[in-house]
Amino acid sequence: MNQLLTASASAQTLSVVVPAFNEEEVLPVFNKRLTDALATLDLSYEIIYVDDGSKDGTMDVLRSLHAADSRIVVVSLSRNFGKETALTAGLEHVRGEAAIVIDADLQDPPELIGALVEQWRAGYDVVYARRTKREGETVLKKLTAHIFYRLIRRLTRVEIPADTGDFRLLSRRAVTALLALREQHRFMKGLFSWIGFSQKAVDYRRDPRLAGQTKWNYWNLWNYALEGITSFTIAPLKIATYFGFTVAAFAFGYGAFIIYKTLRYGDPVQGYPSLMVVVLFLGAVQLVFIGIIGEYLGRTFNEVKRRPLYFVGELLRVDESVRSMDDMGVRSRSA
């Protein structure tokens, strides 16, 4: 009976999706640790590296890894489309009964994959790794991340787990559900939660980046936060509406008071500085909220064009020859 269960488990395939952008320094070490961790599991596996338009020698390293190991698949995108799209591209190439999503910088330890698989076998469709500590990051980054996760949970109706990145396991049906979502603005942490299914956290301590430079400066993180908020809630538009009603009510009341005061007591022309302050304040508020409307309008504009999410420039797989972008065509298109 035990032999039968072991044979059934080993017949399952685990797919590991690894997006990479300018990661030539860390990839050899990462691949060694990843394959060592996977070798301890009673599962067959494939590793899908997605080169997101790297400008360094990342693709050369990936070609070498593929040549040395037939279980390694390389998907090279035609240009840099961004990490969220690269993740989608990798997930569209998985063949396993479950898929692991992990970054190549070794901040997320591959050795934790066994714990994720254990929870998957216990019946969970999504098993996400939750950070208890974030080593190698500044106090400001930790603080802003803490605020962002708690803010977005309050603003949205989707339960996005706090202190959780992309490192997680997805069952086959979770992957299928995720790939049915075809929006251009892909806040993957929100999409992972939006699909639902049974989800479980596994706690771990996040390590510092092994080598290379982070691609996430504060400007990128700010834009990423805007992406997440505008993708999963219209709360900023509601705030603009409520604030507009509040200011209008205050202005109406103040105007009534000025009329009453003028009719009753008379009032010479005074208060030019205070008038300018009020005008500039209201003008600034209007510009801010026009900007918020513009953010949503711009996202609507991008969605209605229904462009493909990405193009594949090169695909390396043992049962397929190297294929050009012209051969591949549109791998990911709007549903």
C-alpha atoms as a PDB file:
ATOM      1  CA  MET A   1       0.000   0.000   0.000  1.00  0.00           C
ATOM      2  CA  ASN A   2       2.824   2.438   0.908  1.00  0.00           C
ATOM      3  CA  GLN A   3       4.612   1.605  -2.354  1.00  0.00           C
ATOM      4  CA  LEU A   4       1.420   2.354  -4.270  1.00  0.00           C
ATOM      5  CA  LEU A   5       1.064   5.762  -2.583  1.00  0.00           C
ATOM      6  CA  THR A   6       4.711   6.586  -3.284  1.00  0.00           C
ATOM      7  CA  ALA A   7       4.344   5.651  -6.944  1.00  0.00           C
ATOM      8  CA  SER A   8       1.202   7.771  -7.225  1.00  0.00           C
ATOM      9  CA  ALA A   9       2.973  10.778  -5.646  1.00  0.00           C
ATOM     10  CA  SER A  10       6.028  10.484  -7.870  1.00  0.00           C
ATOM     11  CA  ALA A  11       3.758  10.374 -10.926  1.00  0.00           C
ATOM     12  CA  GLN A  12       2.699  13.939 -10.109  1.00  0.00           C
ATOM     13  CA  THR A  13       4.637  16.825 -11.602  1.00  0.00           C
ATOM     14  CA  LEU A  14       5.472  20.079  -9.863  1.00  0.00           C
ATOM     15  CA  SER A  15       6.125  23.140 -12.040  1.00  0.00           C
ATOM     16  CA  VAL A  16       8.283  25.951 -10.678  1.00  0.00           C
ATOM     17  CA  VAL A  17       7.914  29.379 -12.327  1.00  0.00           C
ATOM     18  CA  VAL A  18      10.836  31.791 -11.916  1.00  0.00           C
ATOM     19  CA  PRO A  19      10.665  35.300 -13.466  1.00  0.00           C
ATOM     20  CA  ALA A  20      14.094  36.813 -14.089  1.00  0.00           C
ATOM     21  CA  PHE A  21      15.195  40.292 -15.114  1.00  0.00           C
ATOM     22  CA  ASN A  22      18.940  41.025 -15.136  1.00  0.00           C
ATOM     23  CA  GLU A  23      19.729  38.200 -12.698  1.00  0.00           C
ATOM     24  CA  GLU A  24      22.865  36.692 -14.293  1.00  0.00           C
ATOM     25  CA  GLU A  25      24.848  36.970 -11.031  1.00  0.00           C
ATOM     26  CA  VAL A  26      22.474  34.948  -8.884  1.00  0.00           C
ATOM     27  CA  LEU A  27      20.931  32.424 -11.293  1.00  0.00           C
ATOM     28  CA  PRO A  28      23.612  29.669 -11.075  1.00  0.00           C
ATOM     29  CA  VAL A  29      23.486  29.642  -7.260  1.00  0.00           C
ATOM     30  CA  PHE A  30      19.699  29.886  -7.243  1.00  0.00           C
ATOM     31  CA  ASN A  31      19.304  27.011  -9.681  1.00  0.00           C
ATOM     32  CA  LYS A  32      21.606  24.801  -7.581  1.00  0.00           C
ATOM     33  CA  ARG A  33      19.665  25.473  -4.387  1.00  0.00           C
ATOM     34  CA  LEU A  34      16.334  25.043  -6.172  1.00  0.00           C
ATOM     35  CA  THR A  35      17.218  21.698  -7.776  1.00  0.00           C
ATOM     36  CA  ASP A  36      18.679  20.443  -4.497  1.00  0.00           C
ATOM     37  CA  ALA A  37      15.430  21.331  -2.728  1.00  0.00           C
ATOM     38  CA  LEU A  38      13.288  19.715  -5.430  1.00  0.00           C
ATOM     39  CA  ALA A  39      15.406  16.543  -5.358  1.00  0.00           C
ATOM     40  CA  THR A  40      14.238  15.895  -1.791  1.00  0.00           C
ATOM     41  CA  LEU A  41      10.587  15.659  -2.913  1.00  0.00           C
ATOM     42  CA  ASP A  42       8.965  12.485  -4.226  1.00  0.00           C
ATOM     43  CA  LEU A  43       7.699  14.425  -7.256  1.00  0.00           C
ATOM     44  CA  SER A  44       8.871  14.856 -10.794  1.00  0.00           C
ATOM     45  CA  TYR A  45       9.365  18.514 -11.654  1.00  0.00           C
ATOM     46  CA  GLU A  46      10.035  21.124 -14.294  1.00  0.00           C
ATOM     47  CA  ILE A  47      11.525  24.585 -13.822  1.00  0.00           C
ATOM     48  CA  ILE A  48      10.207  27.364 -16.040  1.00  0.00           C
ATOM     49  CA  TYR A  49      12.469  30.404 -16.188  1.00  0.00           C
ATOM     50  CA  VAL A  50      10.928  33.512 -17.754  1.00  0.00           C
ATOM     51  CA  ASP A  51      13.462  36.029 -19.054  1.00  0.00           C
ATOM     52  CA  ASP A  52      11.636  39.365 -18.934  1.00  0.00           C
ATOM     53  CA  GLY A  53      13.703  41.169 -21.561  1.00  0.00           C
ATOM     54  CA  SER A  54      16.980  41.192 -19.598  1.00  0.00           C
ATOM     55  CA  LYS A  55      19.793  43.470 -20.796  1.00  0.00           C
ATOM     56  CA  ASP A  56      22.660  41.521 -19.205  1.00  0.00           C
ATOM     57  CA  GLY A  57      23.758  37.909 -19.699  1.00  0.00           C
ATOM     58  CA  THR A  58      20.683  36.363 -18.065  1.00  0.00           C
ATOM     59  CA  MET A  59      19.556  34.641 -21.259  1.00  0.00           C
ATOM     60  CA  ASP A  60      23.010  33.149 -21.853  1.00  0.00           C
ATOM     61  CA  VAL A  61      22.963  31.684 -18.346  1.00  0.00           C
ATOM     62  CA  LEU A  62      19.481  30.275 -18.917  1.00  0.00           C
ATOM     63  CA  ARG A  63      20.526  28.673 -22.208  1.00  0.00           C
ATOM     64  CA  SER A  64      23.395  26.955 -20.388  1.00  0.00           C
ATOM     65  CA  LEU A  65      21.088  25.717 -17.628  1.00  0.00           C
ATOM     66  CA  HIS A  66      18.632  24.376 -20.198  1.00  0.00           C
ATOM     67  CA  ALA A  67      21.396  22.586 -22.101  1.00  0.00           C
ATOM     68  CA  ALA A  68      22.571  20.903 -18.878  1.00  0.00           C
ATOM     69  CA  ASP A  69      19.128  19.880 -17.566  1.00  0.00           C
ATOM     70  CA  SER A  70      16.216  18.739 -19.738  1.00  0.00           C
ATOM     71  CA  ARG A  71      13.753  19.621 -16.970  1.00  0.00           C
ATOM     72  CA  ILE A  72      14.508  23.324 -17.364  1.00  0.00           C
ATOM     73  CA  VAL A  73      12.232  25.326 -19.673  1.00  0.00           C
ATOM     74  CA  VAL A  74      13.162  28.840 -20.779  1.00  0.00           C
ATOM     75  CA  VAL A  75      10.581  31.365 -21.943  1.00  0.00           C
ATOM     76  CA  SER A  76      12.182  34.550 -23.258  1.00  0.00           C
ATOM     77  CA  LEU A  77       9.798  37.457 -23.721  1.00  0.00           C
ATOM     78  CA  SER A  78      10.269  39.771 -26.706  1.00  0.00           C
ATOM     79  CA  ARG A  79      10.895  42.742 -24.375  1.00  0.00           C
ATOM     80  CA  ASN A  80      10.507  43.761 -20.746  1.00  0.00           C
ATOM     81  CA  PHE A  81       6.787  43.490 -19.952  1.00  0.00           C
ATOM     82  CA  GLY A  82       7.087  43.646 -16.160  1.00  0.00           C
ATOM     83  CA  LYS A  83       7.177  41.012 -13.460  1.00  0.00           C
ATOM     84  CA  GLU A  84       3.402  40.512 -13.237  1.00  0.00           C
ATOM     85  CA  THR A  85       3.173  39.691 -16.934  1.00  0.00           C
ATOM     86  CA  ALA A  86       6.286  37.500 -16.741  1.00  0.00           C
ATOM     87  CA  LEU A  87       4.602  35.475 -13.999  1.00  0.00           C
ATOM     88  CA  THR A  88       1.550  35.050 -16.201  1.00  0.00           C
ATOM     89  CA  ALA A  89       3.712  33.924 -19.119  1.00  0.00           C
ATOM     90  CA  GLY A  90       5.381  31.305 -16.934  1.00  0.00           C
ATOM     91  CA  LEU A  91       2.089  30.012 -15.556  1.00  0.00           C
ATOM     92  CA  GLU A  92       0.748  29.605 -19.085  1.00  0.00           C
ATOM     93  CA  HIS A  93       3.551  27.131 -19.802  1.00  0.00           C
ATOM     94  CA  VAL A  94       3.173  24.909 -16.725  1.00  0.00           C
ATOM     95  CA  ARG A  95       2.313  21.249 -17.201  1.00  0.00           C
ATOM     96  CA  GLY A  96       2.306  20.096 -13.601  1.00  0.00           C
ATOM     97  CA  GLU A  97      -0.524  19.331 -11.197  1.00  0.00           C
ATOM     98  CA  ALA A  98       0.726  22.238  -9.078  1.00  0.00           C
ATOM     99  CA  ALA A  99       2.872  25.306  -9.690  1.00  0.00           C
ATOM    100  CA  ILE A 100       5.311  27.149  -7.436  1.00  0.00           C
ATOM    101  CA  VAL A 101       5.996  30.860  -8.011  1.00  0.00           C
ATOM    102  CA  ILE A 102       9.337  32.071  -6.649  1.00  0.00           C
ATOM    103  CA  ASP A 103      11.781  34.931  -7.329  1.00  0.00           C
ATOM    104  CA  ALA A 104      15.372  34.258  -8.388  1.00  0.00           C
ATOM    105  CA  ASP A 105      17.055  36.594  -5.871  1.00  0.00           C
ATOM    106  CA  LEU A 106      17.071  33.957  -3.081  1.00  0.00           C
ATOM    107  CA  GLN A 107      15.259  36.191  -0.629  1.00  0.00           C
ATOM    108  CA  ASP A 108      12.637  33.445  -0.653  1.00  0.00           C
ATOM    109  CA  PRO A 109      14.316  30.133   0.287  1.00  0.00           C
ATOM    110  CA  PRO A 110      13.693  27.235  -2.145  1.00  0.00           C
ATOM    111  CA  GLU A 111      14.014  24.882   0.832  1.00  0.00           C
ATOM    112  CA  LEU A 112      10.524  26.025   1.924  1.00  0.00           C
ATOM    113  CA  ILE A 113       8.926  24.401  -1.136  1.00  0.00           C
ATOM    114  CA  GLY A 114       8.607  21.093   0.723  1.00  0.00           C
ATOM    115  CA  ALA A 115       6.398  22.753   3.351  1.00  0.00           C
ATOM    116  CA  LEU A 116       4.227  24.292   0.639  1.00  0.00           C
ATOM    117  CA  VAL A 117       3.819  20.925  -1.080  1.00  0.00           C
ATOM    118  CA  GLU A 118       2.867  19.323   2.244  1.00  0.00           C
ATOM    119  CA  GLN A 119      -0.045  21.755   2.677  1.00  0.00           C
ATOM    120  CA  TRP A 120      -1.100  21.223  -0.941  1.00  0.00           C
ATOM    121  CA  ARG A 121      -1.278  17.494  -0.306  1.00  0.00           C
ATOM    122  CA  ALA A 122      -3.375  18.281   2.767  1.00  0.00           C
ATOM    123  CA  GLY A 123      -5.993  19.700   0.395  1.00  0.00           C
ATOM    124  CA  TYR A 124      -5.217  23.419  -0.014  1.00  0.00           C
ATOM    125  CA  ASP A 125      -5.333  24.990  -3.491  1.00  0.00           C
ATOM    126  CA  VAL A 126      -3.220  28.050  -2.660  1.00  0.00           C
ATOM    127  CA  VAL A 127      -0.387  27.872  -0.139  1.00  0.00           C
ATOM    128  CA  TYR A 128       1.364  31.207   0.334  1.00  0.00           C
ATOM    129  CA  ALA A 129       4.590  31.974   2.176  1.00  0.00           C
ATOM    130  CA  ARG A 130       4.106  34.673   4.819  1.00  0.00           C
ATOM    131  CA  ARG A 131       7.111  36.691   5.998  1.00  0.00           C
ATOM    132  CA  THR A 132       7.722  36.916   9.710  1.00  0.00           C
ATOM    133  CA  LYS A 133      10.924  38.946   9.223  1.00  0.00           C
ATOM    134  CA  ARG A 134      12.373  40.853   6.261  1.00  0.00           C
ATOM    135  CA  GLU A 135      16.146  40.768   6.439  1.00  0.00           C
ATOM    136  CA  GLY A 136      18.292  43.158   4.393  1.00  0.00           C
ATOM    137  CA  GLU A 137      15.599  45.807   3.882  1.00  0.00           C
ATOM    138  CA  THR A 138      15.505  49.367   5.150  1.00  0.00           C
ATOM    139  CA  VAL A 139      13.233  50.505   7.951  1.00  0.00           C
ATOM    140  CA  LEU A 140      11.393  52.789   5.509  1.00  0.00           C
ATOM    141  CA  LYS A 141      10.682  49.938   3.107  1.00  0.00           C
ATOM    142  CA  LYS A 142       9.437  47.700   5.901  1.00  0.00           C
ATOM    143  CA  LEU A 143       7.225  50.495   7.246  1.00  0.00           C
ATOM    144  CA  THR A 144       5.710  51.396   3.880  1.00  0.00           C
ATOM    145  CA  ALA A 145       5.081  47.717   3.093  1.00  0.00           C
ATOM    146  CA  HIS A 146       3.384  47.284   6.479  1.00  0.00           C
ATOM    147  CA  ILE A 147       1.132  50.291   5.847  1.00  0.00           C
ATOM    148  CA  PHE A 148       0.325  49.291   2.268  1.00  0.00           C
ATOM    149  CA  TYR A 149      -0.820  45.752   3.060  1.00  0.00           C
ATOM    150  CA  ARG A 150      -3.084  46.931   5.843  1.00  0.00           C
ATOM    151  CA  LEU A 151      -4.436  49.849   3.822  1.00  0.00           C
ATOM    152  CA  ILE A 152      -5.374  47.743   0.815  1.00  0.00           C
ATOM    153  CA  ARG A 153      -7.072  45.189   3.050  1.00  0.00           C
ATOM    154  CA  ARG A 154      -9.277  47.945   4.447  1.00  0.00           C
ATOM    155  CA  LEU A 155     -10.062  49.448   1.049  1.00  0.00           C
ATOM    156  CA  THR A 156     -10.932  46.236  -0.798  1.00  0.00           C
ATOM    157  CA  ARG A 157     -13.371  43.402  -0.266  1.00  0.00           C
ATOM    158  CA  VAL A 158     -10.691  40.893  -1.246  1.00  0.00           C
ATOM    159  CA  GLU A 159      -8.754  39.328   1.641  1.00  0.00           C
ATOM    160  CA  ILE A 160      -5.187  40.015   0.515  1.00  0.00           C
ATOM    161  CA  PRO A 161      -2.905  38.477   3.169  1.00  0.00           C
ATOM    162  CA  ALA A 162      -0.472  40.859   4.827  1.00  0.00           C
ATOM    163  CA  ASP A 163       3.313  40.428   4.655  1.00  0.00           C
ATOM    164  CA  THR A 164       3.022  38.066   1.691  1.00  0.00           C
ATOM    165  CA  GLY A 165       4.788  38.277  -1.654  1.00  0.00           C
ATOM    166  CA  ASP A 166       4.448  36.167  -4.779  1.00  0.00           C
ATOM    167  CA  PHE A 167       6.153  33.087  -3.304  1.00  0.00           C
ATOM    168  CA  ARG A 168       3.415  30.451  -3.173  1.00  0.00           C
ATOM    169  CA  LEU A 169       2.027  27.186  -4.508  1.00  0.00           C
ATOM    170  CA  LEU A 170      -1.035  27.004  -6.763  1.00  0.00           C
ATOM    171  CA  SER A 171      -3.001  23.865  -7.561  1.00  0.00           C
ATOM    172  CA  ARG A 172      -3.868  23.074 -11.166  1.00  0.00           C
ATOM    173  CA  ARG A 173      -7.390  24.442 -10.843  1.00  0.00           C
ATOM    174  CA  ALA A 174      -6.090  27.589  -9.148  1.00  0.00           C
ATOM    175  CA  VAL A 175      -3.698  28.145 -12.073  1.00  0.00           C
ATOM    176  CA  THR A 176      -6.536  27.618 -14.568  1.00  0.00           C
ATOM    177  CA  ALA A 177      -8.728  30.110 -12.719  1.00  0.00           C
ATOM    178  CA  LEU A 178      -5.918  32.673 -12.533  1.00  0.00           C
ATOM    179  CA  LEU A 179      -5.197  32.444 -16.263  1.00  0.00           C
ATOM    180  CA  ALA A 180      -8.865  33.161 -17.018  1.00  0.00           C
ATOM    181  CA  LEU A 181      -8.289  36.711 -15.708  1.00  0.00           C
ATOM    182  CA  ARG A 182      -7.039  38.657 -18.710  1.00  0.00           C
ATOM    183  CA  GLU A 183      -6.670  42.237 -17.460  1.00  0.00           C
ATOM    184  CA  GLN A 184      -3.671  44.285 -18.561  1.00  0.00           C
ATOM    185  CA  HIS A 185      -3.028  45.810 -15.140  1.00  0.00           C
ATOM    186  CA  ARG A 186      -2.117  42.685 -13.223  1.00  0.00           C
ATOM    187  CA  PHE A 187      -1.665  43.092  -9.491  1.00  0.00           C
ATOM    188  CA  MET A 188      -0.858  39.426  -8.925  1.00  0.00           C
ATOM    189  CA  LYS A 189      -1.032  39.475  -5.131  1.00  0.00           C
ATOM    190  CA  GLY A 190      -4.628  40.600  -5.455  1.00  0.00           C
ATOM    191  CA  LEU A 191      -5.434  38.133  -8.243  1.00  0.00           C
ATOM    192  CA  PHE A 192      -4.043  35.232  -6.206  1.00  0.00           C
ATOM    193  CA  SER A 193      -6.557  36.093  -3.484  1.00  0.00           C
ATOM    194  CA  TRP A 194      -9.430  37.066  -5.796  1.00  0.00           C
ATOM    195  CA  ILE A 195      -9.739  33.563  -7.302  1.00  0.00           C
ATOM    196  CA  GLY A 196     -10.620  32.182  -3.882  1.00  0.00           C
ATOM    197  CA  PHE A 197     -10.370  28.426  -3.210  1.00  0.00           C
ATOM    198  CA  SER A 198      -8.887  27.065   0.000  1.00  0.00           C
ATOM    199  CA  GLN A 199      -5.785  29.005   1.041  1.00  0.00           C
ATOM    200  CA  LYS A 200      -3.180  28.401   3.734  1.00  0.00           C
ATOM    201  CA  ALA A 201      -0.199  30.390   5.059  1.00  0.00           C
ATOM    202  CA  VAL A 202       3.257  28.997   5.781  1.00  0.00           C
ATOM    203  CA  ASP A 203       5.465  31.344   7.823  1.00  0.00           C
ATOM    204  CA  TYR A 204       9.135  31.911   7.055  1.00  0.00           C
ATOM    205  CA  ARG A 205      11.962  34.381   7.567  1.00  0.00           C
ATOM    206  CA  ARG A 206      12.943  36.303   4.430  1.00  0.00           C
ATOM    207  CA  ASP A 207      16.663  36.506   3.629  1.00  0.00           C
ATOM    208  CA  PRO A 208      18.596  39.420   2.104  1.00  0.00           C
ATOM    209  CA  ARG A 209      19.171  39.431  -1.655  1.00  0.00           C
ATOM    210  CA  LEU A 210      22.124  37.159  -2.488  1.00  0.00           C
ATOM    211  CA  ALA A 211      23.604  39.246  -5.334  1.00  0.00           C
ATOM    212  CA  GLY A 212      22.747  41.959  -7.829  1.00  0.00           C
ATOM    213  CA  GLN A 213      20.535  44.983  -7.300  1.00  0.00           C
ATOM    214  CA  THR A 214      16.847  45.131  -6.500  1.00  0.00           C
ATOM    215  CA  LYS A 215      14.646  46.300  -9.366  1.00  0.00           C
ATOM    216  CA  TRP A 216      12.176  47.874  -6.937  1.00  0.00           C
ATOM    217  CA  ASN A 217      13.131  51.424  -5.996  1.00  0.00           C
ATOM    218  CA  TYR A 218      10.724  53.628  -4.076  1.00  0.00           C
ATOM    219  CA  TRP A 219       9.234  55.151  -7.239  1.00  0.00           C
ATOM    220  CA  ASN A 220       8.476  51.681  -8.617  1.00  0.00           C
ATOM    221  CA  LEU A 221       7.000  50.632  -5.296  1.00  0.00           C
ATOM    222  CA  TRP A 222       4.795  53.746  -5.242  1.00  0.00           C
ATOM    223  CA  ASN A 223       3.477  52.969  -8.727  1.00  0.00           C
ATOM    224  CA  TYR A 224       2.985  49.340  -7.732  1.00  0.00           C
ATOM    225  CA  ALA A 225       0.923  50.428  -4.737  1.00  0.00           C
ATOM    226  CA  LEU A 226      -1.232  52.626  -7.000  1.00  0.00           C
ATOM    227  CA  GLU A 227      -1.644  49.649  -9.337  1.00  0.00           C
ATOM    228  CA  GLY A 228      -2.869  47.479  -6.516  1.00  0.00           C
ATOM    229  CA  ILE A 229      -5.294  50.029  -5.091  1.00  0.00           C
ATOM    230  CA  THR A 230      -6.813  51.074  -8.424  1.00  0.00           C
ATOM    231  CA  SER A 231      -7.057  47.448  -9.604  1.00  0.00           C
ATOM    232  CA  PHE A 232      -9.057  46.238  -6.638  1.00  0.00           C
ATOM    233  CA  THR A 233     -11.066  49.153  -5.285  1.00  0.00           C
ATOM    234  CA  ILE A 234     -12.844  52.333  -6.357  1.00  0.00           C
ATOM    235  CA  ALA A 235     -12.468  53.751  -2.844  1.00  0.00           C
ATOM    236  CA  PRO A 236     -10.395  56.765  -4.051  1.00  0.00           C
ATOM    237  CA  LEU A 237     -13.283  57.792  -6.323  1.00  0.00           C
ATOM    238  CA  LYS A 238     -15.715  57.466  -3.436  1.00  0.00           C
ATOM    239  CA  ILE A 239     -13.433  59.549  -1.237  1.00  0.00           C
ATOM    240  CA  ALA A 240     -13.381  62.245  -3.938  1.00  0.00           C
ATOM    241  CA  THR A 241     -17.187  62.228  -4.027  1.00  0.00           C
ATOM    242  CA  TYR A 242     -17.585  62.437  -0.253  1.00  0.00           C
ATOM    243  CA  PHE A 243     -14.945  65.125   0.048  1.00  0.00           C
ATOM    244  CA  GLY A 244     -16.615  67.125  -2.733  1.00  0.00           C
ATOM    245  CA  PHE A 245     -19.979  66.972  -0.934  1.00  0.00           C
ATOM    246  CA  THR A 246     -18.339  68.013   2.332  1.00  0.00           C
ATOM    247  CA  VAL A 247     -16.573  71.023   0.777  1.00  0.00           C
ATOM    248  CA  ALA A 248     -19.734  72.015  -1.108  1.00  0.00           C
ATOM    249  CA  ALA A 249     -21.798  71.906   2.107  1.00  0.00           C
ATOM    250  CA  PHE A 250     -19.179  73.973   3.929  1.00  0.00           C
ATOM    251  CA  ALA A 251     -19.043  76.502   1.056  1.00  0.00           C
ATOM    252  CA  PHE A 252     -22.844  76.748   0.945  1.00  0.00           C
ATOM    253  CA  GLY A 253     -23.028  77.348   4.691  1.00  0.00           C
ATOM    254  CA  TYR A 254     -20.220  79.900   4.600  1.00  0.00           C
ATOM    255  CA  GLY A 255     -21.846  81.666   1.642  1.00  0.00           C
ATOM    256  CA  ALA A 256     -25.138  81.914   3.502  1.00  0.00           C
ATOM    257  CA  PHE A 257     -23.295  83.363   6.485  1.00  0.00           C
ATOM    258  CA  ILE A 258     -21.572  86.008   4.281  1.00  0.00           C
ATOM    259  CA  ILE A 259     -24.910  87.034   2.722  1.00  0.00           C
ATOM    260  CA  TYR A 260     -26.554  87.323   6.131  1.00  0.00           C
ATOM    261  CA  LYS A 261     -23.606  89.312   7.535  1.00  0.00           C
ATOM    262  CA  THR A 262     -23.560  91.705   4.564  1.00  0.00           C
ATOM    263  CA  LEU A 263     -27.310  92.379   4.664  1.00  0.00           C
ATOM    264  CA  ARG A 264     -27.356  92.859   8.398  1.00  0.00           C
ATOM    265  CA  TYR A 265     -24.134  94.734   9.116  1.00  0.00           C
ATOM    266  CA  GLY A 266     -22.635  95.661   5.778  1.00  0.00           C
ATOM    267  CA  ASP A 267     -19.164  94.477   4.908  1.00  0.00           C
ATOM    268  CA  PRO A 268     -16.429  96.363   3.035  1.00  0.00           C
ATOM    269  CA  VAL A 269     -14.148  94.429   0.687  1.00  0.00           C
ATOM    270  CA  GLN A 270     -11.620  92.613   2.872  1.00  0.00           C
ATOM    271  CA  GLY A 271      -9.829  89.299   3.173  1.00  0.00           C
ATOM    272  CA  TYR A 272      -7.938  89.070  -0.127  1.00  0.00           C
ATOM    273  CA  PRO A 273      -5.185  86.795   1.325  1.00  0.00           C
ATOM    274  CA  SER A 274      -7.716  84.398   2.857  1.00  0.00           C
ATOM    275  CA  LEU A 275      -9.667  84.371  -0.429  1.00  0.00           C
ATOM    276  CA  MET A 276      -6.552  83.402  -2.381  1.00  0.00           C
ATOM    277  CA  VAL A 277      -5.794  80.618   0.097  1.00  0.00           C
ATOM    278  CA  VAL A 278      -9.300  79.196  -0.325  1.00  0.00           C
ATOM    279  CA  VAL A 279      -9.145  79.434  -4.138  1.00  0.00           C
ATOM    280  CA  LEU A 280      -5.720  77.779  -4.329  1.00  0.00           C
ATOM    281  CA  PHE A 281      -6.760  75.055  -1.889  1.00  0.00           C
ATOM    282  CA  LEU A 282      -9.898  74.185  -3.825  1.00  0.00           C
ATOM    283  CA  GLY A 283      -7.981  74.301  -7.102  1.00  0.00           C
ATOM    284  CA  ALA A 284      -5.370  71.894  -5.755  1.00  0.00           C
ATOM    285  CA  VAL A 285      -8.050  69.528  -4.458  1.00  0.00           C
ATOM    286  CA  GLN A 286      -9.770  69.532  -7.839  1.00  0.00           C
ATOM    287  CA  LEU A 287      -6.508  68.733  -9.623  1.00  0.00           C
ATOM    288  CA  VAL A 288      -5.790  65.863  -7.236  1.00  0.00           C
ATOM    289  CA  PHE A 289      -9.172  64.287  -7.799  1.00  0.00           C
ATOM    290  CA  ILE A 290      -9.013  64.860 -11.549  1.00  0.00           C
ATOM    291  CA  GLY A 291      -5.730  62.946 -11.365  1.00  0.00           C
ATOM    292  CA  ILE A 292      -7.451  60.086  -9.515  1.00  0.00           C
ATOM    293  CA  ILE A 293     -10.156  59.984 -12.165  1.00  0.00           C
ATOM    294  CA  GLY A 294      -7.412  60.031 -14.789  1.00  0.00           C
ATOM    295  CA  GLU A 295      -5.753  56.966 -13.217  1.00  0.00           C
ATOM    296  CA  TYR A 296      -8.953  54.954 -13.561  1.00  0.00           C
ATOM    297  CA  LEU A 297      -9.693  56.350 -17.023  1.00  0.00           C
ATOM    298  CA  GLY A 298      -6.180  55.455 -18.190  1.00  0.00           C
ATOM    299  CA  ARG A 299      -6.596  51.888 -16.989  1.00  0.00           C
ATOM    300  CA  THR A 300      -9.921  51.633 -18.770  1.00  0.00           C
ATOM    301  CA  PHE A 301      -8.246  52.936 -21.942  1.00  0.00           C
ATOM    302  CA  ASN A 302      -5.563  50.232 -21.708  1.00  0.00           C
ATOM    303  CA  GLU A 303      -8.102  47.467 -21.116  1.00  0.00           C
ATOM    304  CA  VAL A 304     -10.442  48.299 -23.996  1.00  0.00           C
ATOM    305  CA  LYS A 305      -7.575  48.076 -26.511  1.00  0.00           C
ATOM    306  CA  ARG A 306      -7.396  44.342 -25.707  1.00  0.00           C
ATOM    307  CA  ARG A 307      -3.741  44.025 -26.622  1.00  0.00           C
ATOM    308  CA  PRO A 308      -1.954  40.718 -25.986  1.00  0.00           C
ATOM    309  CA  LEU A 309      -0.306  40.539 -22.589  1.00  0.00           C
ATOM    310  CA  TYR A 310       3.069  39.585 -24.065  1.00  0.00           C
ATOM    311  CA  PHE A 311       4.959  38.034 -26.974  1.00  0.00           C
ATOM    312  CA  VAL A 312       7.438  35.186 -26.670  1.00  0.00           C
ATOM    313  CA  GLY A 313      10.743  35.792 -28.419  1.00  0.00           C
ATOM    314  CA  GLU A 314      12.311  32.380 -27.718  1.00  0.00           C
ATOM    315  CA  LEU A 315      11.117  29.148 -26.149  1.00  0.00           C
ATOM    316  CA  LEU A 316      13.486  26.381 -25.026  1.00  0.00           C
ATOM    317  CA  ARG A 317      11.916  23.044 -24.153  1.00  0.00           C
ATOM    318  CA  VAL A 318      13.240  19.548 -24.680  1.00  0.00           C
ATOM    319  CA  ASP A 319      10.317  18.437 -26.824  1.00  0.00           C
ATOM    320  CA  GLU A 320      10.211  21.628 -28.873  1.00  0.00           C
ATOM    321  CA  SER A 321      12.848  23.291 -30.998  1.00  0.00           C
ATOM    322  CA  VAL A 322      13.829  26.911 -30.504  1.00  0.00           C
ATOM    323  CA  ARG A 323      11.009  28.959 -31.946  1.00  0.00           C
ATOM    324  CA  SER A 324      11.048  32.607 -32.926  1.00  0.00           C
ATOM    325  CA  MET A 325       8.452  35.226 -32.057  1.00  0.00           C
ATOM    326  CA  ASP A 326       7.005  34.936 -35.553  1.00  0.00           C
ATOM    327  CA  ASP A 327       6.404  31.227 -34.962  1.00  0.00           C
ATOM    328  CA  MET A 328       4.974  31.716 -31.495  1.00  0.00           C
ATOM    329  CA  GLY A 329       2.632  34.572 -32.343  1.00  0.00           C
ATOM    330  CA  VAL A 330       0.430  35.704 -29.481  1.00  0.00           C
ATOM    331  CA  ARG A 331       0.840  33.379 -26.545  1.00  0.00           C
ATOM    332  CA  SER A 332      -1.384  35.327 -24.194  1.00  0.00           C
ATOM    333  CA  ARG A 333      -4.448  37.012 -25.569  1.00  0.00           C
ATOM    334  CA  SER A 334      -7.573  38.550 -24.120  1.00  0.00           C
ATOM    335  CA  ALA A 335     -10.335  36.088 -23.389  1.00  0.00           C
END
